[in-house]
């Protein structure tokens, strides 16, 4: 029984969460633009960590940055955001 628990835990990938200052630094945008992108569906919603704390999975930040660097259109990025949010929901 102990072995199966250890195997299950190792199968779950841990994705670190980055807080807003780190996300803004990586993206190179100001807070107002970041929030506008969230409202426009161009960035994923934050993960609530507590009443006054939230963060974004590092893999999502990297995927969205890669899409922008690749020159993806706004529609392509919105589709990626929907895919990332769906994947996040399926893990719950």
PDB file of N, CA and C in Angstrom:
ATOM      1  N   UNK A   1       0.827  -1.191   0.000  1.00  0.00           N
ATOM      2  CA  UNK A   1       0.000   0.000   0.000  1.00  0.00           C
ATOM      3  C   UNK A   1       0.866   1.247   0.000  1.00  0.00           C
ATOM      4  N   UNK A   2       1.921   1.230   0.769  1.00  0.00           N
ATOM      5  CA  UNK A   2       2.816   2.380   0.842  1.00  0.00           C
ATOM      6  C   UNK A   2       3.477   2.647  -0.505  1.00  0.00           C
ATOM      7  N   UNK A   3       3.823   1.591  -1.232  1.00  0.00           N
ATOM      8  CA  UNK A   3       4.459   1.738  -2.526  1.00  0.00           C
ATOM      9  C   UNK A   3       3.527   2.411  -3.536  1.00  0.00           C
ATOM     10  N   UNK A   4       2.239   2.030  -3.545  1.00  0.00           N
ATOM     11  CA  UNK A   4       1.318   2.626  -4.498  1.00  0.00           C
ATOM     12  C   UNK A   4       1.105   4.108  -4.215  1.00  0.00           C
ATOM     13  N   UNK A   5       1.103   4.508  -2.953  1.00  0.00           N
ATOM     14  CA  UNK A   5       0.969   5.920  -2.613  1.00  0.00           C
ATOM     15  C   UNK A   5       2.177   6.690  -3.108  1.00  0.00           C
ATOM     16  N   UNK A   6       3.357   6.154  -2.913  1.00  0.00           N
ATOM     17  CA  UNK A   6       4.569   6.825  -3.380  1.00  0.00           C
ATOM     18  C   UNK A   6       4.577   6.920  -4.906  1.00  0.00           C
ATOM     19  N   UNK A   7       4.129   5.871  -5.582  1.00  0.00           N
ATOM     20  CA  UNK A   7       4.074   5.883  -7.033  1.00  0.00           C
ATOM     21  C   UNK A   7       3.075   6.923  -7.513  1.00  0.00           C
ATOM     22  N   UNK A   8       1.913   6.995  -6.871  1.00  0.00           N
ATOM     23  CA  UNK A   8       0.887   7.979  -7.254  1.00  0.00           C
ATOM     24  C   UNK A   8       1.408   9.392  -7.065  1.00  0.00           C
ATOM     25  N   UNK A   9       2.070   9.665  -5.971  1.00  0.00           N
ATOM     26  CA  UNK A   9       2.573  11.000  -5.708  1.00  0.00           C
ATOM     27  C   UNK A   9       3.647  11.399  -6.705  1.00  0.00           C
ATOM     28  N   UNK A  10       4.478  10.473  -7.122  1.00  0.00           N
ATOM     29  CA  UNK A  10       5.527  10.817  -8.077  1.00  0.00           C
ATOM     30  C   UNK A  10       4.955  11.034  -9.474  1.00  0.00           C
ATOM     31  N   UNK A  11       3.763  10.486  -9.750  1.00  0.00           N
ATOM     32  CA  UNK A  11       3.146  10.653 -11.063  1.00  0.00           C
ATOM     33  C   UNK A  11       2.518  12.036 -11.222  1.00  0.00           C
ATOM     34  N   UNK A  12       2.263  12.716 -10.105  1.00  0.00           N
ATOM     35  CA  UNK A  12       1.661  14.043 -10.162  1.00  0.00           C
ATOM     36  C   UNK A  12       2.769  15.071 -10.339  1.00  0.00           C
ATOM     37  N   UNK A  13       2.698  15.814 -11.443  1.00  0.00           N
ATOM     38  CA  UNK A  13       3.708  16.838 -11.712  1.00  0.00           C
ATOM     39  C   UNK A  13       3.369  18.096 -10.917  1.00  0.00           C
ATOM     40  N   UNK A  14       4.365  18.665 -10.299  1.00  0.00           N
ATOM     41  CA  UNK A  14       4.177  19.887  -9.539  1.00  0.00           C
ATOM     42  C   UNK A  14       4.576  21.059 -10.423  1.00  0.00           C
ATOM     43  N   UNK A  15       3.634  21.969 -10.623  1.00  0.00           N
ATOM     44  CA  UNK A  15       3.872  23.156 -11.440  1.00  0.00           C
ATOM     45  C   UNK A  15       3.924  24.350 -10.497  1.00  0.00           C
ATOM     46  N   UNK A  16       5.085  24.953 -10.310  1.00  0.00           N
ATOM     47  CA  UNK A  16       5.178  26.082  -9.384  1.00  0.00           C
ATOM     48  C   UNK A  16       4.275  27.231  -9.820  1.00  0.00           C
ATOM     49  N   UNK A  17       3.789  27.965  -8.840  1.00  0.00           N
ATOM     50  CA  UNK A  17       2.959  29.128  -9.110  1.00  0.00           C
ATOM     51  C   UNK A  17       3.791  30.389  -8.970  1.00  0.00           C
ATOM     52  N   UNK A  18       3.675  31.262  -9.959  1.00  0.00           N
ATOM     53  CA  UNK A  18       4.378  32.545  -9.924  1.00  0.00           C
ATOM     54  C   UNK A  18       3.397  33.625  -9.526  1.00  0.00           C
ATOM     55  N   UNK A  19       3.812  34.481  -8.611  1.00  0.00           N
ATOM     56  CA  UNK A  19       2.979  35.600  -8.184  1.00  0.00           C
ATOM     57  C   UNK A  19       3.038  36.712  -9.228  1.00  0.00           C
ATOM     58  N   UNK A  20       2.157  37.685  -9.096  1.00  0.00           N
ATOM     59  CA  UNK A  20       1.995  38.732 -10.097  1.00  0.00           C
ATOM     60  C   UNK A  20       3.285  39.469 -10.450  1.00  0.00           C
ATOM     61  N   UNK A  21       4.105  39.914  -9.495  1.00  0.00           N
ATOM     62  CA  UNK A  21       5.330  40.631  -9.894  1.00  0.00           C
ATOM     63  C   UNK A  21       6.243  39.800 -10.805  1.00  0.00           C
ATOM     64  N   UNK A  22       6.340  38.512 -10.533  1.00  0.00           N
ATOM     65  CA  UNK A  22       7.181  37.644 -11.366  1.00  0.00           C
ATOM     66  C   UNK A  22       6.583  37.490 -12.768  1.00  0.00           C
ATOM     67  N   UNK A  23       5.256  37.352 -12.846  1.00  0.00           N
ATOM     68  CA  UNK A  23       4.591  37.206 -14.146  1.00  0.00           C
ATOM     69  C   UNK A  23       4.763  38.483 -14.965  1.00  0.00           C
ATOM     70  N   UNK A  24       4.582  39.632 -14.314  1.00  0.00           N
ATOM     71  CA  UNK A  24       4.741  40.907 -15.024  1.00  0.00           C
ATOM     72  C   UNK A  24       6.168  41.077 -15.531  1.00  0.00           C
ATOM     73  N   UNK A  25       7.133  40.671 -14.728  1.00  0.00           N
ATOM     74  CA  UNK A  25       8.535  40.792 -15.136  1.00  0.00           C
ATOM     75  C   UNK A  25       8.835  39.918 -16.350  1.00  0.00           C
ATOM     76  N   UNK A  26       8.314  38.715 -16.357  1.00  0.00           N
ATOM     77  CA  UNK A  26       8.552  37.798 -17.472  1.00  0.00           C
ATOM     78  C   UNK A  26       7.832  38.280 -18.725  1.00  0.00           C
ATOM     79  N   UNK A  27       6.617  38.791 -18.551  1.00  0.00           N
ATOM     80  CA  UNK A  27       5.825  39.258 -19.700  1.00  0.00           C
ATOM     81  C   UNK A  27       6.313  40.594 -20.239  1.00  0.00           C
ATOM     82  N   UNK A  28       6.836  41.428 -19.368  1.00  0.00           N
ATOM     83  CA  UNK A  28       7.277  42.747 -19.803  1.00  0.00           C
ATOM     84  C   UNK A  28       6.131  43.725 -19.997  1.00  0.00           C
ATOM     85  N   UNK A  29       5.050  43.546 -19.234  1.00  0.00           N
ATOM     86  CA  UNK A  29       3.914  44.465 -19.316  1.00  0.00           C
ATOM     87  C   UNK A  29       3.605  45.002 -17.922  1.00  0.00           C
ATOM     88  N   UNK A  30       2.820  46.064 -17.899  1.00  0.00           N
ATOM     89  CA  UNK A  30       2.380  46.636 -16.621  1.00  0.00           C
ATOM     90  C   UNK A  30       1.128  45.911 -16.139  1.00  0.00           C
ATOM     91  N   UNK A  31       0.821  46.122 -14.865  1.00  0.00           N
ATOM     92  CA  UNK A  31      -0.311  45.446 -14.246  1.00  0.00           C
ATOM     93  C   UNK A  31      -1.628  45.737 -14.985  1.00  0.00           C
ATOM     94  N   UNK A  32      -1.830  46.976 -15.415  1.00  0.00           N
ATOM     95  CA  UNK A  32      -3.078  47.326 -16.097  1.00  0.00           C
ATOM     96  C   UNK A  32      -3.233  46.544 -17.405  1.00  0.00           C
ATOM     97  N   UNK A  33      -2.152  46.399 -18.165  1.00  0.00           N
ATOM     98  CA  UNK A  33      -2.220  45.630 -19.417  1.00  0.00           C
ATOM     99  C   UNK A  33      -2.465  44.152 -19.125  1.00  0.00           C
ATOM    100  N   UNK A  34      -1.839  43.643 -18.085  1.00  0.00           N
ATOM    101  CA  UNK A  34      -2.027  42.241 -17.705  1.00  0.00           C
ATOM    102  C   UNK A  34      -3.499  41.978 -17.392  1.00  0.00           C
ATOM    103  N   UNK A  35      -4.103  42.849 -16.586  1.00  0.00           N
ATOM    104  CA  UNK A  35      -5.509  42.669 -16.230  1.00  0.00           C
ATOM    105  C   UNK A  35      -6.419  42.855 -17.444  1.00  0.00           C
ATOM    106  N   UNK A  36      -6.079  43.763 -18.343  1.00  0.00           N
ATOM    107  CA  UNK A  36      -6.854  43.911 -19.585  1.00  0.00           C
ATOM    108  C   UNK A  36      -6.787  42.634 -20.421  1.00  0.00           C
ATOM    109  N   UNK A  37      -5.606  42.015 -20.464  1.00  0.00           N
ATOM    110  CA  UNK A  37      -5.454  40.763 -21.214  1.00  0.00           C
ATOM    111  C   UNK A  37      -6.306  39.648 -20.605  1.00  0.00           C
ATOM    112  N   UNK A  38      -6.381  39.600 -19.286  1.00  0.00           N
ATOM    113  CA  UNK A  38      -7.217  38.590 -18.627  1.00  0.00           C
ATOM    114  C   UNK A  38      -8.679  38.821 -18.997  1.00  0.00           C
ATOM    115  N   UNK A  39      -9.137  40.060 -18.905  1.00  0.00           N
ATOM    116  CA  UNK A  39     -10.527  40.389 -19.232  1.00  0.00           C
ATOM    117  C   UNK A  39     -10.845  40.103 -20.699  1.00  0.00           C
ATOM    118  N   UNK A  40      -9.857  40.269 -21.574  1.00  0.00           N
ATOM    119  CA  UNK A  40     -10.052  40.050 -23.012  1.00  0.00           C
ATOM    120  C   UNK A  40      -9.891  38.591 -23.419  1.00  0.00           C
ATOM    121  N   UNK A  41      -9.567  37.722 -22.468  1.00  0.00           N
ATOM    122  CA  UNK A  41      -9.372  36.312 -22.781  1.00  0.00           C
ATOM    123  C   UNK A  41      -8.020  36.006 -23.386  1.00  0.00           C
ATOM    124  N   UNK A  42      -7.074  36.953 -23.247  1.00  0.00           N
ATOM    125  CA  UNK A  42      -5.736  36.760 -23.799  1.00  0.00           C
ATOM    126  C   UNK A  42      -4.741  36.262 -22.750  1.00  0.00           C
ATOM    127  N   UNK A  43      -5.222  36.017 -21.538  1.00  0.00           N
ATOM    128  CA  UNK A  43      -4.365  35.477 -20.484  1.00  0.00           C
ATOM    129  C   UNK A  43      -5.239  34.695 -19.517  1.00  0.00           C
ATOM    130  N   UNK A  44      -4.685  33.679 -18.911  1.00  0.00           N
ATOM    131  CA  UNK A  44      -5.445  32.833 -18.001  1.00  0.00           C
ATOM    132  C   UNK A  44      -5.797  33.576 -16.716  1.00  0.00           C
ATOM    133  N   UNK A  45      -6.884  33.134 -16.096  1.00  0.00           N
ATOM    134  CA  UNK A  45      -7.287  33.659 -14.797  1.00  0.00           C
ATOM    135  C   UNK A  45      -6.273  33.196 -13.746  1.00  0.00           C
ATOM    136  N   UNK A  46      -6.095  33.982 -12.687  1.00  0.00           N
ATOM    137  CA  UNK A  46      -5.166  33.559 -11.646  1.00  0.00           C
ATOM    138  C   UNK A  46      -5.748  32.416 -10.811  1.00  0.00           C
ATOM    139  N   UNK A  47      -4.859  31.687 -10.164  1.00  0.00           N
ATOM    140  CA  UNK A  47      -5.227  30.664  -9.192  1.00  0.00           C
ATOM    141  C   UNK A  47      -5.247  31.355  -7.839  1.00  0.00           C
ATOM    142  N   UNK A  48      -6.383  31.302  -7.151  1.00  0.00           N
ATOM    143  CA  UNK A  48      -6.472  31.930  -5.838  1.00  0.00           C
ATOM    144  C   UNK A  48      -5.703  31.088  -4.816  1.00  0.00           C
ATOM    145  N   UNK A  49      -4.795  31.737  -4.115  1.00  0.00           N
ATOM    146  CA  UNK A  49      -3.993  31.069  -3.091  1.00  0.00           C
ATOM    147  C   UNK A  49      -4.498  31.398  -1.694  1.00  0.00           C
ATOM    148  N   UNK A  50      -5.286  32.436  -1.594  1.00  0.00           N
ATOM    149  CA  UNK A  50      -5.836  32.894  -0.329  1.00  0.00           C
ATOM    150  C   UNK A  50      -6.691  34.111  -0.604  1.00  0.00           C
ATOM    151  N   UNK A  51      -7.184  34.766   0.452  1.00  0.00           N
ATOM    152  CA  UNK A  51      -8.069  35.914   0.245  1.00  0.00           C
ATOM    153  C   UNK A  51      -7.407  37.067  -0.508  1.00  0.00           C
ATOM    154  N   UNK A  52      -6.118  37.231  -0.339  1.00  0.00           N
ATOM    155  CA  UNK A  52      -5.425  38.352  -0.995  1.00  0.00           C
ATOM    156  C   UNK A  52      -4.198  37.909  -1.784  1.00  0.00           C
ATOM    157  N   UNK A  53      -4.167  36.661  -2.169  1.00  0.00           N
ATOM    158  CA  UNK A  53      -3.000  36.147  -2.886  1.00  0.00           C
ATOM    159  C   UNK A  53      -3.447  35.274  -4.049  1.00  0.00           C
ATOM    160  N   UNK A  54      -2.764  35.430  -5.178  1.00  0.00           N
ATOM    161  CA  UNK A  54      -3.035  34.589  -6.341  1.00  0.00           C
ATOM    162  C   UNK A  54      -1.746  34.422  -7.134  1.00  0.00           C
ATOM    163  N   UNK A  55      -1.762  33.468  -8.028  1.00  0.00           N
ATOM    164  CA  UNK A  55      -0.587  33.201  -8.848  1.00  0.00           C
ATOM    165  C   UNK A  55      -0.996  32.485 -10.118  1.00  0.00           C
ATOM    166  N   UNK A  56      -0.031  32.274 -10.980  1.00  0.00           N
ATOM    167  CA  UNK A  56      -0.248  31.601 -12.256  1.00  0.00           C
ATOM    168  C   UNK A  56       0.719  30.430 -12.363  1.00  0.00           C
ATOM    169  N   UNK A  57       0.243  29.280 -12.843  1.00  0.00           N
ATOM    170  CA  UNK A  57       1.147  28.158 -13.071  1.00  0.00           C
ATOM    171  C   UNK A  57       2.252  28.557 -14.053  1.00  0.00           C
ATOM    172  N   UNK A  58       3.465  28.236 -13.701  1.00  0.00           N
ATOM    173  CA  UNK A  58       4.620  28.622 -14.514  1.00  0.00           C
ATOM    174  C   UNK A  58       4.527  28.065 -15.930  1.00  0.00           C
ATOM    175  N   UNK A  59       3.968  26.865 -16.068  1.00  0.00           N
ATOM    176  CA  UNK A  59       3.846  26.278 -17.408  1.00  0.00           C
ATOM    177  C   UNK A  59       2.898  27.093 -18.284  1.00  0.00           C
ATOM    178  N   UNK A  60       1.843  27.668 -17.683  1.00  0.00           N
ATOM    179  CA  UNK A  60       0.923  28.502 -18.458  1.00  0.00           C
ATOM    180  C   UNK A  60       1.600  29.800 -18.895  1.00  0.00           C
ATOM    181  N   UNK A  61       2.357  30.398 -17.988  1.00  0.00           N
ATOM    182  CA  UNK A  61       3.091  31.630 -18.316  1.00  0.00           C
ATOM    183  C   UNK A  61       4.034  31.362 -19.485  1.00  0.00           C
ATOM    184  N   UNK A  62       4.751  30.243 -19.414  1.00  0.00           N
ATOM    185  CA  UNK A  62       5.705  29.896 -20.473  1.00  0.00           C
ATOM    186  C   UNK A  62       4.989  29.632 -21.798  1.00  0.00           C
ATOM    187  N   UNK A  63       3.862  28.916 -21.749  1.00  0.00           N
ATOM    188  CA  UNK A  63       3.123  28.597 -22.979  1.00  0.00           C
ATOM    189  C   UNK A  63       2.588  29.859 -23.643  1.00  0.00           C
ATOM    190  N   UNK A  64       2.060  30.784 -22.845  1.00  0.00           N
ATOM    191  CA  UNK A  64       1.527  32.020 -23.409  1.00  0.00           C
ATOM    192  C   UNK A  64       2.638  32.911 -23.948  1.00  0.00           C
ATOM    193  N   UNK A  65       3.764  32.957 -23.261  1.00  0.00           N
ATOM    194  CA  UNK A  65       4.902  33.735 -23.777  1.00  0.00           C
ATOM    195  C   UNK A  65       5.411  33.139 -25.084  1.00  0.00           C
ATOM    196  N   UNK A  66       5.484  31.827 -25.153  1.00  0.00           N
ATOM    197  CA  UNK A  66       5.950  31.172 -26.378  1.00  0.00           C
ATOM    198  C   UNK A  66       5.010  31.468 -27.544  1.00  0.00           C
ATOM    199  N   UNK A  67       3.708  31.489 -27.271  1.00  0.00           N
ATOM    200  CA  UNK A  67       2.736  31.795 -28.330  1.00  0.00           C
ATOM    201  C   UNK A  67       2.919  33.220 -28.842  1.00  0.00           C
ATOM    202  N   UNK A  68       3.159  34.147 -27.923  1.00  0.00           N
ATOM    203  CA  UNK A  68       3.373  35.544 -28.343  1.00  0.00           C
ATOM    204  C   UNK A  68       4.672  35.677 -29.137  1.00  0.00           C
ATOM    205  N   UNK A  69       5.717  35.020 -28.681  1.00  0.00           N
ATOM    206  CA  UNK A  69       7.005  35.074 -29.381  1.00  0.00           C
ATOM    207  C   UNK A  69       6.871  34.481 -30.782  1.00  0.00           C
ATOM    208  N   UNK A  70       6.050  33.432 -30.900  1.00  0.00           N
ATOM    209  CA  UNK A  70       5.843  32.787 -32.198  1.00  0.00           C
ATOM    210  C   UNK A  70       4.959  33.613 -33.129  1.00  0.00           C
ATOM    211  N   UNK A  71       4.421  34.724 -32.621  1.00  0.00           N
ATOM    212  CA  UNK A  71       3.613  35.593 -33.460  1.00  0.00           C
ATOM    213  C   UNK A  71       2.189  35.116 -33.657  1.00  0.00           C
ATOM    214  N   UNK A  72       1.684  34.325 -32.732  1.00  0.00           N
ATOM    215  CA  UNK A  72       0.313  33.824 -32.842  1.00  0.00           C
ATOM    216  C   UNK A  72      -0.669  34.990 -32.792  1.00  0.00           C
ATOM    217  N   UNK A  73      -1.786  34.833 -33.464  1.00  0.00           N
ATOM    218  CA  UNK A  73      -2.818  35.866 -33.488  1.00  0.00           C
ATOM    219  C   UNK A  73      -3.560  35.898 -32.157  1.00  0.00           C
ATOM    220  N   UNK A  74      -4.325  36.967 -31.946  1.00  0.00           N
ATOM    221  CA  UNK A  74      -5.119  37.084 -30.721  1.00  0.00           C
ATOM    222  C   UNK A  74      -6.107  35.926 -30.618  1.00  0.00           C
ATOM    223  N   UNK A  75      -6.690  35.516 -31.742  1.00  0.00           N
ATOM    224  CA  UNK A  75      -7.631  34.392 -31.716  1.00  0.00           C
ATOM    225  C   UNK A  75      -6.935  33.093 -31.329  1.00  0.00           C
ATOM    226  N   UNK A  76      -5.722  32.884 -31.834  1.00  0.00           N
ATOM    227  CA  UNK A  76      -4.950  31.691 -31.469  1.00  0.00           C
ATOM    228  C   UNK A  76      -4.620  31.693 -29.975  1.00  0.00           C
ATOM    229  N   UNK A  77      -4.284  32.858 -29.455  1.00  0.00           N
ATOM    230  CA  UNK A  77      -3.941  32.960 -28.039  1.00  0.00           C
ATOM    231  C   UNK A  77      -5.185  32.743 -27.178  1.00  0.00           C
ATOM    232  N   UNK A  78      -6.334  33.269 -27.606  1.00  0.00           N
ATOM    233  CA  UNK A  78      -7.581  33.019 -26.872  1.00  0.00           C
ATOM    234  C   UNK A  78      -7.894  31.522 -26.835  1.00  0.00           C
ATOM    235  N   UNK A  79      -7.673  30.848 -27.944  1.00  0.00           N
ATOM    236  CA  UNK A  79      -7.898  29.398 -27.994  1.00  0.00           C
ATOM    237  C   UNK A  79      -6.948  28.681 -27.043  1.00  0.00           C
ATOM    238  N   UNK A  80      -5.702  29.133 -26.994  1.00  0.00           N
ATOM    239  CA  UNK A  80      -4.732  28.544 -26.074  1.00  0.00           C
ATOM    240  C   UNK A  80      -5.150  28.779 -24.627  1.00  0.00           C
ATOM    241  N   UNK A  81      -5.627  29.989 -24.321  1.00  0.00           N
ATOM    242  CA  UNK A  81      -6.088  30.293 -22.958  1.00  0.00           C
ATOM    243  C   UNK A  81      -7.234  29.356 -22.578  1.00  0.00           C
ATOM    244  N   UNK A  82      -8.180  29.146 -23.490  1.00  0.00           N
ATOM    245  CA  UNK A  82      -9.298  28.237 -23.211  1.00  0.00           C
ATOM    246  C   UNK A  82      -8.803  26.820 -22.967  1.00  0.00           C
ATOM    247  N   UNK A  83      -7.838  26.388 -23.756  1.00  0.00           N
ATOM    248  CA  UNK A  83      -7.270  25.044 -23.589  1.00  0.00           C
ATOM    249  C   UNK A  83      -6.567  24.908 -22.242  1.00  0.00           C
ATOM    250  N   UNK A  84      -5.795  25.932 -21.861  1.00  0.00           N
ATOM    251  CA  UNK A  84      -5.086  25.899 -20.576  1.00  0.00           C
ATOM    252  C   UNK A  84      -6.052  25.903 -19.401  1.00  0.00           C
ATOM    253  N   UNK A  85      -7.109  26.701 -19.496  1.00  0.00           N
ATOM    254  CA  UNK A  85      -8.092  26.768 -18.414  1.00  0.00           C
ATOM    255  C   UNK A  85      -8.851  25.456 -18.310  1.00  0.00           C
ATOM    256  N   UNK A  86      -9.155  24.819 -19.439  1.00  0.00           N
ATOM    257  CA  UNK A  86      -9.835  23.527 -19.435  1.00  0.00           C
ATOM    258  C   UNK A  86      -8.947  22.449 -18.810  1.00  0.00           C
ATOM    259  N   UNK A  87      -7.660  22.495 -19.140  1.00  0.00           N
ATOM    260  CA  UNK A  87      -6.725  21.516 -18.562  1.00  0.00           C
ATOM    261  C   UNK A  87      -6.618  21.722 -17.044  1.00  0.00           C
ATOM    262  N   UNK A  88      -6.625  22.976 -16.623  1.00  0.00           N
ATOM    263  CA  UNK A  88      -6.557  23.271 -15.191  1.00  0.00           C
ATOM    264  C   UNK A  88      -7.813  22.747 -14.486  1.00  0.00           C
ATOM    265  N   UNK A  89      -8.958  22.953 -15.101  1.00  0.00           N
ATOM    266  CA  UNK A  89     -10.224  22.498 -14.512  1.00  0.00           C
ATOM    267  C   UNK A  89     -10.288  20.970 -14.422  1.00  0.00           C
ATOM    268  N   UNK A  90      -9.717  20.290 -15.392  1.00  0.00           N
ATOM    269  CA  UNK A  90      -9.773  18.828 -15.383  1.00  0.00           C
ATOM    270  C   UNK A  90      -8.874  18.218 -14.309  1.00  0.00           C
ATOM    271  N   UNK A  91      -7.926  18.981 -13.800  1.00  0.00           N
ATOM    272  CA  UNK A  91      -7.047  18.482 -12.739  1.00  0.00           C
ATOM    273  C   UNK A  91      -7.721  18.554 -11.378  1.00  0.00           C
ATOM    274  N   UNK A  92      -8.765  19.342 -11.260  1.00  0.00           N
ATOM    275  CA  UNK A  92      -9.423  19.531  -9.962  1.00  0.00           C
ATOM    276  C   UNK A  92     -10.249  18.344  -9.556  1.00  0.00           C
TER     277      UNK A  92
END
